[in-house]
Amino acid sequence: MHCFVYASQRKADTYLWLARRDNFEILPATLVMLLGDLRFVLEVELEPERSLPRENVEAVLENLRTQGWHLQLPPQETVAAAGEPTSMPKRQDE
């Protein structure tokens, strides 16, 4: 699956993965407020066989397929600490 990654300018080490480039309209309002301005960082072809350093590739792909986005939080940060959007993606440790 082709996807696009954006870095949050408000929250360090927080990334938003999108199934469609610049498709921010699909995001919950609370997530938009949490992330603030976003900076495009990467366009990538994501395959189930690919290894990601901090995320479970299957969880990322599932979130991209089902809701069109995936939130990558910094290591050791929980959803509660980040603020809770109305729909949260699956984490690699689930």
N, C-alpha and C. Protein backbone atom coordinates (compact mmCIF):
# COMPACT_ATOMS: atom_id res chain seq x y z
N MET A 1 0.84 -1.17 0.00
CA MET A 1 0.00 0.00 0.00
C MET A 1 0.89 1.24 0.00
N HIS A 2 0.57 2.15 -0.86
CA HIS A 2 1.29 3.41 -0.93
C HIS A 2 0.75 4.32 0.17
N CYS A 3 1.64 4.95 0.95
CA CYS A 3 1.18 5.82 2.04
C CYS A 3 2.12 7.01 2.20
N PHE A 4 1.64 7.95 3.01
CA PHE A 4 2.30 9.23 3.18
C PHE A 4 2.42 9.52 4.68
N VAL A 5 3.59 9.99 5.10
CA VAL A 5 3.86 10.19 6.51
C VAL A 5 4.14 11.67 6.77
N TYR A 6 3.54 12.17 7.85
CA TYR A 6 3.68 13.56 8.25
C TYR A 6 4.15 13.62 9.69
N ALA A 7 5.00 14.59 10.01
CA ALA A 7 5.47 14.80 11.37
C ALA A 7 4.67 15.92 12.00
N SER A 8 4.27 15.72 13.24
CA SER A 8 3.58 16.76 14.00
C SER A 8 4.59 17.83 14.39
N GLN A 9 4.24 19.08 14.17
CA GLN A 9 5.10 20.18 14.57
C GLN A 9 4.88 20.54 16.04
N ARG A 10 3.81 20.04 16.63
CA ARG A 10 3.48 20.34 18.02
C ARG A 10 4.01 19.26 18.97
N LYS A 11 3.96 17.99 18.56
CA LYS A 11 4.36 16.88 19.43
C LYS A 11 5.57 16.16 18.84
N ALA A 12 6.67 16.23 19.52
CA ALA A 12 7.90 15.60 19.06
C ALA A 12 7.72 14.09 18.89
N ASP A 13 8.36 13.54 17.87
CA ASP A 13 8.34 12.10 17.59
C ASP A 13 6.94 11.53 17.40
N THR A 14 6.03 12.35 16.91
CA THR A 14 4.66 11.91 16.64
C THR A 14 4.42 12.06 15.15
N TYR A 15 3.94 10.96 14.53
CA TYR A 15 3.78 10.93 13.09
C TYR A 15 2.38 10.48 12.71
N LEU A 16 1.89 11.04 11.63
CA LEU A 16 0.60 10.66 11.08
C LEU A 16 0.84 9.99 9.73
N TRP A 17 0.31 8.78 9.59
CA TRP A 17 0.38 8.05 8.33
C TRP A 17 -0.97 8.19 7.65
N LEU A 18 -0.97 8.50 6.36
CA LEU A 18 -2.21 8.62 5.60
C LEU A 18 -2.18 7.71 4.38
N ALA A 19 -3.34 7.16 4.05
CA ALA A 19 -3.47 6.32 2.87
C ALA A 19 -3.51 7.17 1.60
N ARG A 20 -3.95 8.43 1.73
CA ARG A 20 -4.00 9.36 0.59
C ARG A 20 -3.30 10.66 0.99
N ARG A 21 -2.46 11.15 0.12
CA ARG A 21 -1.69 12.37 0.41
C ARG A 21 -2.60 13.55 0.74
N ASP A 22 -2.27 14.24 1.81
CA ASP A 22 -2.97 15.47 2.23
C ASP A 22 -4.46 15.26 2.50
N ASN A 23 -4.87 14.06 2.83
CA ASN A 23 -6.29 13.76 3.07
C ASN A 23 -6.64 14.01 4.55
N PHE A 24 -6.44 15.23 5.00
CA PHE A 24 -6.64 15.57 6.41
C PHE A 24 -8.10 15.67 6.80
N GLU A 25 -9.00 15.75 5.84
CA GLU A 25 -10.43 15.88 6.11
C GLU A 25 -10.99 14.68 6.86
N ILE A 26 -10.34 13.53 6.76
CA ILE A 26 -10.86 12.31 7.40
C ILE A 26 -10.50 12.22 8.88
N LEU A 27 -9.63 13.09 9.35
CA LEU A 27 -9.14 13.02 10.73
C LEU A 27 -10.16 13.56 11.72
N PRO A 28 -10.26 12.94 12.89
CA PRO A 28 -11.11 13.50 13.95
C PRO A 28 -10.57 14.88 14.36
N ALA A 29 -11.48 15.79 14.68
CA ALA A 29 -11.10 17.16 15.05
C ALA A 29 -10.13 17.17 16.23
N THR A 30 -10.34 16.27 17.19
CA THR A 30 -9.45 16.24 18.36
C THR A 30 -8.02 15.86 17.97
N LEU A 31 -7.88 14.99 16.98
CA LEU A 31 -6.55 14.60 16.51
C LEU A 31 -5.87 15.77 15.80
N VAL A 32 -6.62 16.49 15.01
CA VAL A 32 -6.08 17.66 14.31
C VAL A 32 -5.55 18.67 15.33
N MET A 33 -6.32 18.90 16.38
CA MET A 33 -5.91 19.85 17.42
C MET A 33 -4.66 19.33 18.16
N LEU A 34 -4.61 18.05 18.44
CA LEU A 34 -3.48 17.45 19.13
C LEU A 34 -2.19 17.59 18.33
N LEU A 35 -2.26 17.32 17.03
CA LEU A 35 -1.07 17.30 16.19
C LEU A 35 -0.58 18.68 15.79
N GLY A 36 -1.48 19.64 15.65
CA GLY A 36 -1.08 20.96 15.17
C GLY A 36 -0.66 20.88 13.71
N ASP A 37 0.22 21.77 13.30
CA ASP A 37 0.71 21.78 11.92
C ASP A 37 1.49 20.50 11.64
N LEU A 38 1.35 20.02 10.42
CA LEU A 38 2.04 18.79 10.00
C LEU A 38 3.03 19.11 8.88
N ARG A 39 4.15 18.41 8.90
CA ARG A 39 5.18 18.57 7.87
C ARG A 39 5.33 17.23 7.15
N PHE A 40 5.20 17.24 5.82
CA PHE A 40 5.37 16.02 5.04
C PHE A 40 6.81 15.53 5.16
N VAL A 41 6.98 14.23 5.47
CA VAL A 41 8.33 13.69 5.64
C VAL A 41 8.66 12.49 4.76
N LEU A 42 7.65 11.74 4.32
CA LEU A 42 7.97 10.49 3.64
C LEU A 42 6.80 9.98 2.81
N GLU A 43 7.13 9.47 1.64
CA GLU A 43 6.19 8.72 0.81
C GLU A 43 6.79 7.33 0.67
N VAL A 44 5.99 6.30 0.98
CA VAL A 44 6.56 4.96 1.05
C VAL A 44 5.55 3.92 0.58
N GLU A 45 6.06 2.86 -0.01
CA GLU A 45 5.26 1.69 -0.35
C GLU A 45 5.37 0.73 0.82
N LEU A 46 4.27 0.53 1.52
CA LEU A 46 4.28 -0.28 2.73
C LEU A 46 3.72 -1.66 2.42
N GLU A 47 4.52 -2.68 2.68
CA GLU A 47 4.16 -4.08 2.44
C GLU A 47 4.17 -4.83 3.77
N PRO A 48 3.36 -5.89 3.90
CA PRO A 48 3.35 -6.66 5.15
C PRO A 48 4.72 -7.23 5.54
N GLU A 49 5.58 -7.48 4.57
CA GLU A 49 6.90 -8.05 4.84
C GLU A 49 7.90 -7.01 5.34
N ARG A 50 7.55 -5.75 5.17
CA ARG A 50 8.48 -4.68 5.53
C ARG A 50 8.55 -4.52 7.05
N SER A 51 9.74 -4.23 7.54
CA SER A 51 9.94 -4.01 8.97
C SER A 51 9.97 -2.50 9.23
N LEU A 52 9.27 -2.08 10.28
CA LEU A 52 9.30 -0.68 10.69
C LEU A 52 9.97 -0.60 12.06
N PRO A 53 10.77 0.43 12.30
CA PRO A 53 11.52 0.50 13.56
C PRO A 53 10.66 0.61 14.81
N ARG A 54 9.54 1.33 14.75
CA ARG A 54 8.77 1.56 15.97
C ARG A 54 7.32 1.11 15.90
N GLU A 55 6.89 0.66 14.76
CA GLU A 55 5.48 0.30 14.59
C GLU A 55 5.36 -1.11 14.02
N ASN A 56 4.24 -1.72 14.31
CA ASN A 56 3.91 -3.02 13.74
C ASN A 56 3.29 -2.75 12.37
N VAL A 57 3.95 -3.22 11.33
CA VAL A 57 3.52 -2.92 9.97
C VAL A 57 2.08 -3.39 9.71
N GLU A 58 1.69 -4.53 10.28
CA GLU A 58 0.33 -5.04 10.08
C GLU A 58 -0.71 -4.11 10.71
N ALA A 59 -0.40 -3.56 11.87
CA ALA A 59 -1.32 -2.62 12.53
C ALA A 59 -1.43 -1.33 11.72
N VAL A 60 -0.31 -0.85 11.21
CA VAL A 60 -0.33 0.37 10.39
C VAL A 60 -1.18 0.13 9.15
N LEU A 61 -0.95 -0.97 8.46
CA LEU A 61 -1.71 -1.28 7.25
C LEU A 61 -3.21 -1.43 7.54
N GLU A 62 -3.54 -2.10 8.63
CA GLU A 62 -4.95 -2.28 9.01
C GLU A 62 -5.62 -0.92 9.26
N ASN A 63 -4.95 -0.05 9.99
CA ASN A 63 -5.51 1.27 10.25
C ASN A 63 -5.66 2.09 8.97
N LEU A 64 -4.68 2.00 8.09
CA LEU A 64 -4.77 2.72 6.82
C LEU A 64 -5.93 2.19 5.98
N ARG A 65 -6.13 0.89 5.98
CA ARG A 65 -7.24 0.29 5.21
C ARG A 65 -8.60 0.64 5.80
N THR A 66 -8.72 0.59 7.12
CA THR A 66 -10.04 0.75 7.75
C THR A 66 -10.44 2.19 8.00
N GLN A 67 -9.48 3.05 8.35
CA GLN A 67 -9.86 4.43 8.65
C GLN A 67 -9.10 5.47 7.84
N GLY A 68 -8.10 5.02 7.06
CA GLY A 68 -7.37 5.94 6.20
C GLY A 68 -6.20 6.65 6.86
N TRP A 69 -5.98 6.39 8.17
CA TRP A 69 -4.88 7.03 8.88
C TRP A 69 -4.38 6.15 10.01
N HIS A 70 -3.14 6.44 10.44
CA HIS A 70 -2.54 5.76 11.58
C HIS A 70 -1.71 6.78 12.35
N LEU A 71 -1.84 6.79 13.67
CA LEU A 71 -1.09 7.70 14.52
C LEU A 71 0.07 6.95 15.15
N GLN A 72 1.28 7.45 14.93
CA GLN A 72 2.48 6.87 15.54
C GLN A 72 2.93 7.80 16.66
N LEU A 73 2.80 7.34 17.89
CA LEU A 73 3.19 8.11 19.07
C LEU A 73 4.64 7.83 19.44
N PRO A 74 5.25 8.73 20.21
CA PRO A 74 6.62 8.47 20.66
C PRO A 74 6.67 7.20 21.50
N PRO A 75 7.82 6.56 21.57
CA PRO A 75 7.95 5.37 22.41
C PRO A 75 7.55 5.69 23.85
N GLN A 76 6.89 4.76 24.48
CA GLN A 76 6.46 4.84 25.88
C GLN A 76 5.35 5.85 26.14
N GLU A 77 4.84 6.53 25.12
CA GLU A 77 3.73 7.46 25.34
C GLU A 77 2.42 6.73 25.10
N THR A 78 1.45 6.94 25.97
CA THR A 78 0.15 6.31 25.83
C THR A 78 -0.81 7.27 25.16
N VAL A 79 -1.92 6.73 24.71
CA VAL A 79 -2.96 7.54 24.09
C VAL A 79 -3.49 8.57 25.08
N ALA A 80 -3.66 8.18 26.33
CA ALA A 80 -4.17 9.11 27.35
C ALA A 80 -3.23 10.29 27.54
N ALA A 81 -1.95 10.05 27.50
CA ALA A 81 -0.98 11.14 27.68
C ALA A 81 -0.96 12.06 26.47
N ALA A 82 -1.26 11.52 25.31
CA ALA A 82 -1.22 12.31 24.08
C ALA A 82 -2.50 13.10 23.86
N GLY A 83 -3.58 12.71 24.52
CA GLY A 83 -4.89 13.26 24.23
C GLY A 83 -5.63 12.20 23.44
N GLU A 84 -6.91 12.08 23.60
CA GLU A 84 -7.60 10.94 23.03
C GLU A 84 -8.53 11.32 21.90
N PRO A 85 -8.10 11.13 20.63
CA PRO A 85 -9.01 11.32 19.51
C PRO A 85 -10.16 10.32 19.57
N THR A 86 -11.21 10.58 18.83
CA THR A 86 -12.41 9.75 18.90
C THR A 86 -12.19 8.33 18.42
N SER A 87 -11.21 8.10 17.58
CA SER A 87 -10.89 6.76 17.11
C SER A 87 -9.38 6.61 17.11
N MET A 88 -8.89 5.60 17.78
CA MET A 88 -7.44 5.43 17.86
C MET A 88 -7.00 4.18 17.11
N PRO A 89 -5.85 4.28 16.46
CA PRO A 89 -5.31 3.12 15.74
C PRO A 89 -4.78 2.07 16.70
N LYS A 90 -4.59 0.89 16.18
CA LYS A 90 -3.99 -0.20 16.95
C LYS A 90 -2.50 0.07 17.12
N ARG A 91 -1.99 -0.18 18.31
CA ARG A 91 -0.57 -0.02 18.59
C ARG A 91 0.15 -1.34 18.34
N GLN A 92 1.45 -1.31 18.18
CA GLN A 92 2.21 -2.53 17.89
C GLN A 92 2.20 -3.50 19.05
N ASP A 93 1.98 -3.03 20.27
CA ASP A 93 2.01 -3.92 21.42
C ASP A 93 0.65 -4.52 21.75
N GLU A 94 -0.35 -4.30 20.89
CA GLU A 94 -1.69 -4.88 21.13
C GLU A 94 -1.79 -6.24 20.51
